[in-house]
Full PDB file with SEQRES, HELIX, SHEET, SSBOND, CRYST1, ORIGX, SCALE, CONECT and MASTER records, all heavy atoms in Angstrom:
SEQRES   1 A   31  ARG ALA ASN GLU LEU GLN ALA ASP GLY HIS ASP VAL ILE          
SEQRES   2 A   31  HIS LEU GLU ILE GLY GLU PRO ASP PHE THR THR ALA ALA          
SEQRES   3 A   31  PRO ILE VAL ALA ALA                                          
HELIX    1 AA1 ALA A    2  ALA A    7  1                                   6    
HELIX    2 AA2 ALA A   26  ALA A   30  1                                   5    
CRYST1    1.000    1.000    1.000  90.00  90.00  90.00 P 1           1          
ORIGX1      1.000000  0.000000  0.000000        0.00000                         
ORIGX2      0.000000  1.000000  0.000000        0.00000                         
ORIGX3      0.000000  0.000000  1.000000        0.00000                         
SCALE1      1.000000  0.000000  0.000000        0.00000                         
SCALE2      0.000000  1.000000  0.000000        0.00000                         
SCALE3      0.000000  0.000000  1.000000        0.00000                         
ATOM      1  N   ARG A   1    -121.186  32.454 -62.407  1.00  0.00           N  
ATOM      2  CA  ARG A   1    -121.413  32.422 -60.961  1.00  0.00           C  
ATOM      3  C   ARG A   1    -120.180  32.932 -60.204  1.00  0.00           C  
ATOM      4  O   ARG A   1    -120.313  33.652 -59.206  1.00  0.00           O  
ATOM      5  CB  ARG A   1    -121.761  30.997 -60.535  1.00  0.00           C  
ATOM      6  CG  ARG A   1    -121.966  30.821 -59.042  1.00  0.00           C  
ATOM      7  CD  ARG A   1    -123.071  31.713 -58.507  1.00  0.00           C  
ATOM      8  NE  ARG A   1    -123.238  31.543 -57.067  1.00  0.00           N  
ATOM      9  CZ  ARG A   1    -123.653  32.503 -56.253  1.00  0.00           C  
ATOM     10  NH1 ARG A   1    -123.956  33.705 -56.738  1.00  0.00           N  
ATOM     11  NH2 ARG A   1    -123.774  32.272 -54.956  1.00  0.00           N  
ATOM     12  N   ALA A   2    -118.982  32.559 -60.686  1.00  0.00           N  
ATOM     13  CA  ALA A   2    -117.749  33.051 -60.050  1.00  0.00           C  
ATOM     14  C   ALA A   2    -117.692  34.575 -60.088  1.00  0.00           C  
ATOM     15  O   ALA A   2    -117.300  35.226 -59.108  1.00  0.00           O  
ATOM     16  CB  ALA A   2    -116.529  32.444 -60.744  1.00  0.00           C  
ATOM     17  N   ASN A   3    -118.091  35.130 -61.207  1.00  0.00           N  
ATOM     18  CA  ASN A   3    -118.097  36.596 -61.329  1.00  0.00           C  
ATOM     19  C   ASN A   3    -119.112  37.240 -60.388  1.00  0.00           C  
ATOM     20  O   ASN A   3    -118.865  38.319 -59.834  1.00  0.00           O  
ATOM     21  CB  ASN A   3    -118.363  36.995 -62.779  1.00  0.00           C  
ATOM     22  CG  ASN A   3    -117.204  36.650 -63.697  1.00  0.00           C  
ATOM     23  OD1 ASN A   3    -116.061  36.533 -63.242  1.00  0.00           O  
ATOM     24  ND2 ASN A   3    -117.476  36.476 -64.983  1.00  0.00           N  
ATOM     25  N   GLU A   4    -120.259  36.575 -60.207  1.00  0.00           N  
ATOM     26  CA  GLU A   4    -121.248  37.068 -59.239  1.00  0.00           C  
ATOM     27  C   GLU A   4    -120.670  37.060 -57.829  1.00  0.00           C  
ATOM     28  O   GLU A   4    -120.847  38.023 -57.060  1.00  0.00           O  
ATOM     29  CB  GLU A   4    -122.503  36.193 -59.279  1.00  0.00           C  
ATOM     30  CG  GLU A   4    -123.365  36.360 -60.509  1.00  0.00           C  
ATOM     31  CD  GLU A   4    -124.553  35.407 -60.480  1.00  0.00           C  
ATOM     32  OE1 GLU A   4    -124.714  34.659 -59.476  1.00  0.00           O  
ATOM     33  OE2 GLU A   4    -125.327  35.397 -61.466  1.00  0.00           O  
ATOM     34  N   LEU A   5    -119.982  35.974 -57.480  1.00  0.00           N  
ATOM     35  CA  LEU A   5    -119.385  35.872 -56.152  1.00  0.00           C  
ATOM     36  C   LEU A   5    -118.330  36.959 -55.939  1.00  0.00           C  
ATOM     37  O   LEU A   5    -118.241  37.560 -54.865  1.00  0.00           O  
ATOM     38  CB  LEU A   5    -118.772  34.481 -55.957  1.00  0.00           C  
ATOM     39  CG  LEU A   5    -119.778  33.332 -55.819  1.00  0.00           C  
ATOM     40  CD1 LEU A   5    -119.081  31.985 -55.957  1.00  0.00           C  
ATOM     41  CD2 LEU A   5    -120.507  33.415 -54.473  1.00  0.00           C  
ATOM     42  N   GLN A   6    -117.532  37.197 -56.997  1.00  0.00           N  
ATOM     43  CA  GLN A   6    -116.526  38.257 -56.894  1.00  0.00           C  
ATOM     44  C   GLN A   6    -117.177  39.615 -56.711  1.00  0.00           C  
ATOM     45  O   GLN A   6    -116.713  40.439 -55.920  1.00  0.00           O  
ATOM     46  CB  GLN A   6    -115.637  38.255 -58.140  1.00  0.00           C  
ATOM     47  CG  GLN A   6    -114.594  37.171 -58.134  1.00  0.00           C  
ATOM     48  CD  GLN A   6    -113.611  37.273 -59.279  1.00  0.00           C  
ATOM     49  OE1 GLN A   6    -112.682  36.485 -59.348  1.00  0.00           O  
ATOM     50  NE2 GLN A   6    -113.778  38.205 -60.178  1.00  0.00           N  
ATOM     51  N   ALA A   7    -118.256  39.860 -57.443  1.00  0.00           N  
ATOM     52  CA  ALA A   7    -118.961  41.139 -57.332  1.00  0.00           C  
ATOM     53  C   ALA A   7    -119.530  41.336 -55.932  1.00  0.00           C  
ATOM     54  O   ALA A   7    -119.670  42.473 -55.460  1.00  0.00           O  
ATOM     55  CB  ALA A   7    -120.073  41.217 -58.373  1.00  0.00           C  
ATOM     56  N   ASP A   8    -119.803  40.222 -55.245  1.00  0.00           N  
ATOM     57  CA  ASP A   8    -120.312  40.296 -53.873  1.00  0.00           C  
ATOM     58  C   ASP A   8    -119.190  40.392 -52.845  1.00  0.00           C  
ATOM     59  O   ASP A   8    -119.449  40.347 -51.639  1.00  0.00           O  
ATOM     60  CB  ASP A   8    -121.178  39.073 -53.566  1.00  0.00           C  
ATOM     61  CG  ASP A   8    -122.503  39.097 -54.317  1.00  0.00           C  
ATOM     62  OD1 ASP A   8    -122.918  40.182 -54.754  1.00  0.00           O  
ATOM     63  OD2 ASP A   8    -123.112  38.018 -54.480  1.00  0.00           O  
ATOM     64  N   GLY A   9    -117.937  40.464 -53.342  1.00  0.00           N  
ATOM     65  CA  GLY A   9    -116.814  40.663 -52.443  1.00  0.00           C  
ATOM     66  C   GLY A   9    -116.046  39.419 -52.062  1.00  0.00           C  
ATOM     67  O   GLY A   9    -115.118  39.481 -51.238  1.00  0.00           O  
ATOM     68  N   HIS A  10    -116.374  38.277 -52.651  1.00  0.00           N  
ATOM     69  CA  HIS A  10    -115.656  37.035 -52.345  1.00  0.00           C  
ATOM     70  C   HIS A  10    -114.368  36.937 -53.172  1.00  0.00           C  
ATOM     71  O   HIS A  10    -114.312  37.395 -54.312  1.00  0.00           O  
ATOM     72  CB  HIS A  10    -116.535  35.821 -52.615  1.00  0.00           C  
ATOM     73  CG  HIS A  10    -117.754  35.756 -51.750  1.00  0.00           C  
ATOM     74  ND1 HIS A  10    -117.704  35.423 -50.408  1.00  0.00           N  
ATOM     75  CD2 HIS A  10    -119.072  36.010 -52.018  1.00  0.00           C  
ATOM     76  CE1 HIS A  10    -118.925  35.455 -49.903  1.00  0.00           C  
ATOM     77  NE2 HIS A  10    -119.773  35.810 -50.852  1.00  0.00           N  
ATOM     78  N   ASP A  11    -113.360  36.313 -52.595  1.00  0.00           N  
ATOM     79  CA  ASP A  11    -112.072  36.101 -53.265  1.00  0.00           C  
ATOM     80  C   ASP A  11    -112.109  34.759 -53.993  1.00  0.00           C  
ATOM     81  O   ASP A  11    -112.010  33.701 -53.366  1.00  0.00           O  
ATOM     82  CB  ASP A  11    -110.938  36.124 -52.235  1.00  0.00           C  
ATOM     83  CG  ASP A  11    -109.591  35.785 -52.854  1.00  0.00           C  
ATOM     84  OD1 ASP A  11    -109.374  36.132 -54.029  1.00  0.00           O  
ATOM     85  OD2 ASP A  11    -108.763  35.146 -52.156  1.00  0.00           O  
ATOM     86  N   VAL A  12    -112.287  34.793 -55.303  1.00  0.00           N  
ATOM     87  CA  VAL A  12    -112.372  33.570 -56.105  1.00  0.00           C  
ATOM     88  C   VAL A  12    -111.023  33.287 -56.750  1.00  0.00           C  
ATOM     89  O   VAL A  12    -110.418  34.169 -57.365  1.00  0.00           O  
ATOM     90  CB  VAL A  12    -113.468  33.689 -57.186  1.00  0.00           C  
ATOM     91  CG1 VAL A  12    -113.507  32.424 -58.049  1.00  0.00           C  
ATOM     92  CG2 VAL A  12    -114.826  33.943 -56.547  1.00  0.00           C  
ATOM     93  N   ILE A  13    -110.552  32.053 -56.599  1.00  0.00           N  
ATOM     94  CA  ILE A  13    -109.313  31.630 -57.261  1.00  0.00           C  
ATOM     95  C   ILE A  13    -109.694  30.935 -58.562  1.00  0.00           C  
ATOM     96  O   ILE A  13    -110.397  29.915 -58.552  1.00  0.00           O  
ATOM     97  CB  ILE A  13    -108.480  30.693 -56.365  1.00  0.00           C  
ATOM     98  CG1 ILE A  13    -108.115  31.393 -55.057  1.00  0.00           C  
ATOM     99  CG2 ILE A  13    -107.206  30.255 -57.108  1.00  0.00           C  
ATOM    100  CD1 ILE A  13    -107.347  30.509 -54.077  1.00  0.00           C  
ATOM    101  N   HIS A  14    -109.243  31.478 -59.678  1.00  0.00           N  
ATOM    102  CA  HIS A  14    -109.633  30.973 -60.998  1.00  0.00           C  
ATOM    103  C   HIS A  14    -108.605  29.955 -61.515  1.00  0.00           C  
ATOM    104  O   HIS A  14    -107.502  30.320 -61.905  1.00  0.00           O  
ATOM    105  CB  HIS A  14    -109.759  32.128 -61.986  1.00  0.00           C  
ATOM    106  CG  HIS A  14    -110.912  33.038 -61.710  1.00  0.00           C  
ATOM    107  ND1 HIS A  14    -112.189  32.769 -62.157  1.00  0.00           N  
ATOM    108  CD2 HIS A  14    -110.996  34.195 -61.013  1.00  0.00           C  
ATOM    109  CE1 HIS A  14    -113.010  33.734 -61.764  1.00  0.00           C  
ATOM    110  NE2 HIS A  14    -112.312  34.607 -61.053  1.00  0.00           N  
ATOM    111  N   LEU A  15    -109.032  28.701 -61.531  1.00  0.00           N  
ATOM    112  CA  LEU A  15    -108.220  27.635 -62.126  1.00  0.00           C  
ATOM    113  C   LEU A  15    -108.956  27.025 -63.323  1.00  0.00           C  
ATOM    114  O   LEU A  15    -108.638  25.925 -63.754  1.00  0.00           O  
ATOM    115  CB  LEU A  15    -107.920  26.550 -61.088  1.00  0.00           C  
ATOM    116  CG  LEU A  15    -107.258  27.005 -59.779  1.00  0.00           C  
ATOM    117  CD1 LEU A  15    -106.963  25.811 -58.893  1.00  0.00           C  
ATOM    118  CD2 LEU A  15    -105.980  27.791 -60.053  1.00  0.00           C  
ATOM    119  N   GLU A  16    -109.934  27.744 -63.840  1.00  0.00           N  
ATOM    120  CA  GLU A  16    -110.737  27.242 -64.955  1.00  0.00           C  
ATOM    121  C   GLU A  16    -110.352  27.867 -66.291  1.00  0.00           C  
ATOM    122  O   GLU A  16    -110.772  27.383 -67.348  1.00  0.00           O  
ATOM    123  CB  GLU A  16    -112.237  27.484 -64.680  1.00  0.00           C  
ATOM    124  CG  GLU A  16    -112.761  28.877 -64.998  1.00  0.00           C  
ATOM    125  CD  GLU A  16    -112.481  29.924 -63.937  1.00  0.00           C  
ATOM    126  OE1 GLU A  16    -111.459  29.802 -63.231  1.00  0.00           O  
ATOM    127  OE2 GLU A  16    -113.262  30.870 -63.836  1.00  0.00           O  
ATOM    128  N   ILE A  17    -109.549  28.915 -66.279  1.00  0.00           N  
ATOM    129  CA  ILE A  17    -109.298  29.681 -67.493  1.00  0.00           C  
ATOM    130  C   ILE A  17    -108.064  29.155 -68.229  1.00  0.00           C  
ATOM    131  O   ILE A  17    -106.981  29.071 -67.643  1.00  0.00           O  
ATOM    132  CB  ILE A  17    -109.096  31.176 -67.166  1.00  0.00           C  
ATOM    133  CG1 ILE A  17    -110.301  31.717 -66.390  1.00  0.00           C  
ATOM    134  CG2 ILE A  17    -108.882  31.977 -68.450  1.00  0.00           C  
ATOM    135  CD1 ILE A  17    -111.607  31.638 -67.137  1.00  0.00           C  
ATOM    136  N   GLY A  18    -108.225  28.810 -69.510  1.00  0.00           N  
ATOM    137  CA  GLY A  18    -107.113  28.332 -70.325  1.00  0.00           C  
ATOM    138  C   GLY A  18    -106.352  29.476 -70.960  1.00  0.00           C  
ATOM    139  O   GLY A  18    -106.199  29.533 -72.188  1.00  0.00           O  
ATOM    140  N   GLU A  19    -105.873  30.386 -70.122  1.00  0.00           N  
ATOM    141  CA  GLU A  19    -105.193  31.579 -70.617  1.00  0.00           C  
ATOM    142  C   GLU A  19    -104.054  31.930 -69.669  1.00  0.00           C  
ATOM    143  O   GLU A  19    -104.258  31.971 -68.451  1.00  0.00           O  
ATOM    144  CB  GLU A  19    -106.184  32.747 -70.690  1.00  0.00           C  
ATOM    145  CG  GLU A  19    -105.581  34.054 -71.148  1.00  0.00           C  
ATOM    146  CD  GLU A  19    -106.619  35.153 -71.305  1.00  0.00           C  
ATOM    147  OE1 GLU A  19    -107.645  35.115 -70.588  1.00  0.00           O  
ATOM    148  OE2 GLU A  19    -106.418  36.041 -72.143  1.00  0.00           O  
ATOM    149  N   PRO A  20    -102.855  32.178 -70.190  1.00  0.00           N  
ATOM    150  CA  PRO A  20    -101.764  32.587 -69.300  1.00  0.00           C  
ATOM    151  C   PRO A  20    -102.152  33.820 -68.494  1.00  0.00           C  
ATOM    152  O   PRO A  20    -102.831  34.715 -68.993  1.00  0.00           O  
ATOM    153  CB  PRO A  20    -100.609  32.895 -70.266  1.00  0.00           C  
ATOM    154  CG  PRO A  20    -100.945  32.167 -71.527  1.00  0.00           C  
ATOM    155  CD  PRO A  20    -102.443  32.153 -71.604  1.00  0.00           C  
ATOM    156  N   ASP A  21    -101.719  33.840 -67.238  1.00  0.00           N  
ATOM    157  CA  ASP A  21    -102.026  34.996 -66.398  1.00  0.00           C  
ATOM    158  C   ASP A  21    -101.078  36.159 -66.642  1.00  0.00           C  
ATOM    159  O   ASP A  21    -101.314  37.263 -66.168  1.00  0.00           O  
ATOM    160  CB  ASP A  21    -102.003  34.608 -64.916  1.00  0.00           C  
ATOM    161  CG  ASP A  21    -100.704  33.925 -64.503  1.00  0.00           C  
ATOM    162  OD1 ASP A  21    -100.236  33.055 -65.259  1.00  0.00           O  
ATOM    163  OD2 ASP A  21    -100.171  34.228 -63.424  1.00  0.00           O  
ATOM    164  N   PHE A  22    -100.000  35.908 -67.375  1.00  0.00           N  
ATOM    165  CA  PHE A  22     -99.060  36.972 -67.709  1.00  0.00           C  
ATOM    166  C   PHE A  22     -99.649  37.841 -68.823  1.00  0.00           C  
ATOM    167  O   PHE A  22    -100.247  37.326 -69.769  1.00  0.00           O  
ATOM    168  CB  PHE A  22     -97.731  36.387 -68.196  1.00  0.00           C  
ATOM    169  CG  PHE A  22     -97.093  35.437 -67.221  1.00  0.00           C  
ATOM    170  CD1 PHE A  22     -97.071  34.078 -67.478  1.00  0.00           C  
ATOM    171  CD2 PHE A  22     -96.509  35.901 -66.050  1.00  0.00           C  
ATOM    172  CE1 PHE A  22     -96.472  33.194 -66.590  1.00  0.00           C  
ATOM    173  CE2 PHE A  22     -95.914  35.030 -65.153  1.00  0.00           C  
ATOM    174  CZ  PHE A  22     -95.893  33.672 -65.418  1.00  0.00           C  
ATOM    175  N   THR A  23     -99.455  39.137 -68.719  1.00  0.00           N  
ATOM    176  CA  THR A  23     -99.839  40.000 -69.831  1.00  0.00           C  
ATOM    177  C   THR A  23     -98.789  39.890 -70.939  1.00  0.00           C  
ATOM    178  O   THR A  23     -97.701  39.341 -70.735  1.00  0.00           O  
ATOM    179  CB  THR A  23     -99.970  41.460 -69.370  1.00  0.00           C  
ATOM    180  OG1 THR A  23     -98.728  41.879 -68.792  1.00  0.00           O  
ATOM    181  CG2 THR A  23    -101.079  41.617 -68.346  1.00  0.00           C  
ATOM    182  N   THR A  24     -99.115  40.399 -72.111  1.00  0.00           N  
ATOM    183  CA  THR A  24     -98.201  40.315 -73.247  1.00  0.00           C  
ATOM    184  C   THR A  24     -96.859  40.971 -72.904  1.00  0.00           C  
ATOM    185  O   THR A  24     -96.813  42.052 -72.302  1.00  0.00           O  
ATOM    186  CB  THR A  24     -98.816  41.008 -74.476  1.00  0.00           C  
ATOM    187  OG1 THR A  24    -100.066  40.377 -74.776  1.00  0.00           O  
ATOM    188  CG2 THR A  24     -97.901  40.899 -75.687  1.00  0.00           C  
ATOM    189  N   ALA A  25     -95.770  40.314 -73.289  1.00  0.00           N  
ATOM    190  CA  ALA A  25     -94.423  40.796 -72.971  1.00  0.00           C  
ATOM    191  C   ALA A  25     -94.193  42.198 -73.548  1.00  0.00           C  
ATOM    192  O   ALA A  25     -94.670  42.526 -74.643  1.00  0.00           O  
ATOM    193  CB  ALA A  25     -93.383  39.829 -73.510  1.00  0.00           C  
ATOM    194  N   ALA A  26     -93.451  43.009 -72.805  1.00  0.00           N  
ATOM    195  CA  ALA A  26     -93.269  44.427 -73.146  1.00  0.00           C  
ATOM    196  C   ALA A  26     -92.738  44.667 -74.561  1.00  0.00           C  
ATOM    197  O   ALA A  26     -93.219  45.588 -75.244  1.00  0.00           O  
ATOM    198  CB  ALA A  26     -92.357  45.092 -72.105  1.00  0.00           C  
ATOM    199  N   PRO A  27     -91.766  43.894 -75.064  1.00  0.00           N  
ATOM    200  CA  PRO A  27     -91.295  44.168 -76.428  1.00  0.00           C  
ATOM    201  C   PRO A  27     -92.385  43.989 -77.485  1.00  0.00           C  
ATOM    202  O   PRO A  27     -92.398  44.702 -78.495  1.00  0.00           O  
ATOM    203  CB  PRO A  27     -90.158  43.155 -76.628  1.00  0.00           C  
ATOM    204  CG  PRO A  27     -89.705  42.804 -75.250  1.00  0.00           C  
ATOM    205  CD  PRO A  27     -90.936  42.846 -74.406  1.00  0.00           C  
ATOM    206  N   ILE A  28     -93.308  43.050 -77.254  1.00  0.00           N  
ATOM    207  CA  ILE A  28     -94.405  42.827 -78.200  1.00  0.00           C  
ATOM    208  C   ILE A  28     -95.376  43.996 -78.138  1.00  0.00           C  
ATOM    209  O   ILE A  28     -95.830  44.509 -79.172  1.00  0.00           O  
ATOM    210  CB  ILE A  28     -95.113  41.496 -77.897  1.00  0.00           C  
ATOM    211  CG1 ILE A  28     -94.118  40.326 -77.945  1.00  0.00           C  
ATOM    212  CG2 ILE A  28     -96.256  41.263 -78.883  1.00  0.00           C  
ATOM    213  CD1 ILE A  28     -94.695  39.004 -77.461  1.00  0.00           C  
ATOM    214  N   VAL A  29     -95.682  44.445 -76.933  1.00  0.00           N  
ATOM    215  CA  VAL A  29     -96.573  45.597 -76.761  1.00  0.00           C  
ATOM    216  C   VAL A  29     -95.977  46.830 -77.443  1.00  0.00           C  
ATOM    217  O   VAL A  29     -96.676  47.565 -78.156  1.00  0.00           O  
ATOM    218  CB  VAL A  29     -96.822  45.873 -75.266  1.00  0.00           C  
ATOM    219  CG1 VAL A  29     -97.608  47.167 -75.080  1.00  0.00           C  
ATOM    220  CG2 VAL A  29     -97.566  44.706 -74.627  1.00  0.00           C  
ATOM    221  N   ALA A  30     -94.688  47.047 -77.237  1.00  0.00           N  
ATOM    222  CA  ALA A  30     -94.027  48.213 -77.834  1.00  0.00           C  
ATOM    223  C   ALA A  30     -94.083  48.153 -79.355  1.00  0.00           C  
ATOM    224  O   ALA A  30     -94.301  49.182 -80.019  1.00  0.00           O  
ATOM    225  CB  ALA A  30     -92.575  48.289 -77.351  1.00  0.00           C  
ATOM    226  N   ALA A  31     -93.906  46.949 -79.914  1.00  0.00           N  
ATOM    227  CA  ALA A  31     -93.977  46.806 -81.372  1.00  0.00           C  
ATOM    228  C   ALA A  31     -95.381  47.098 -81.875  1.00  0.00           C  
ATOM    229  O   ALA A  31     -95.556  47.711 -82.939  1.00  0.00           O  
ATOM    230  CB  ALA A  31     -93.532  45.402 -81.782  1.00  0.00           C  
TER     231      ALA A  31                                                      
MASTER        0    0    0    2    0    0    0    6  230    1    0    3          
END                                                                             
């Protein structure tokens, strides 16, 4: 439902996801 709301242009704040919002650190990506 949150994704539907976003697709309709609403700004949804996601506090349900058990995942860091940071992308993988650059040295790991480079490796």
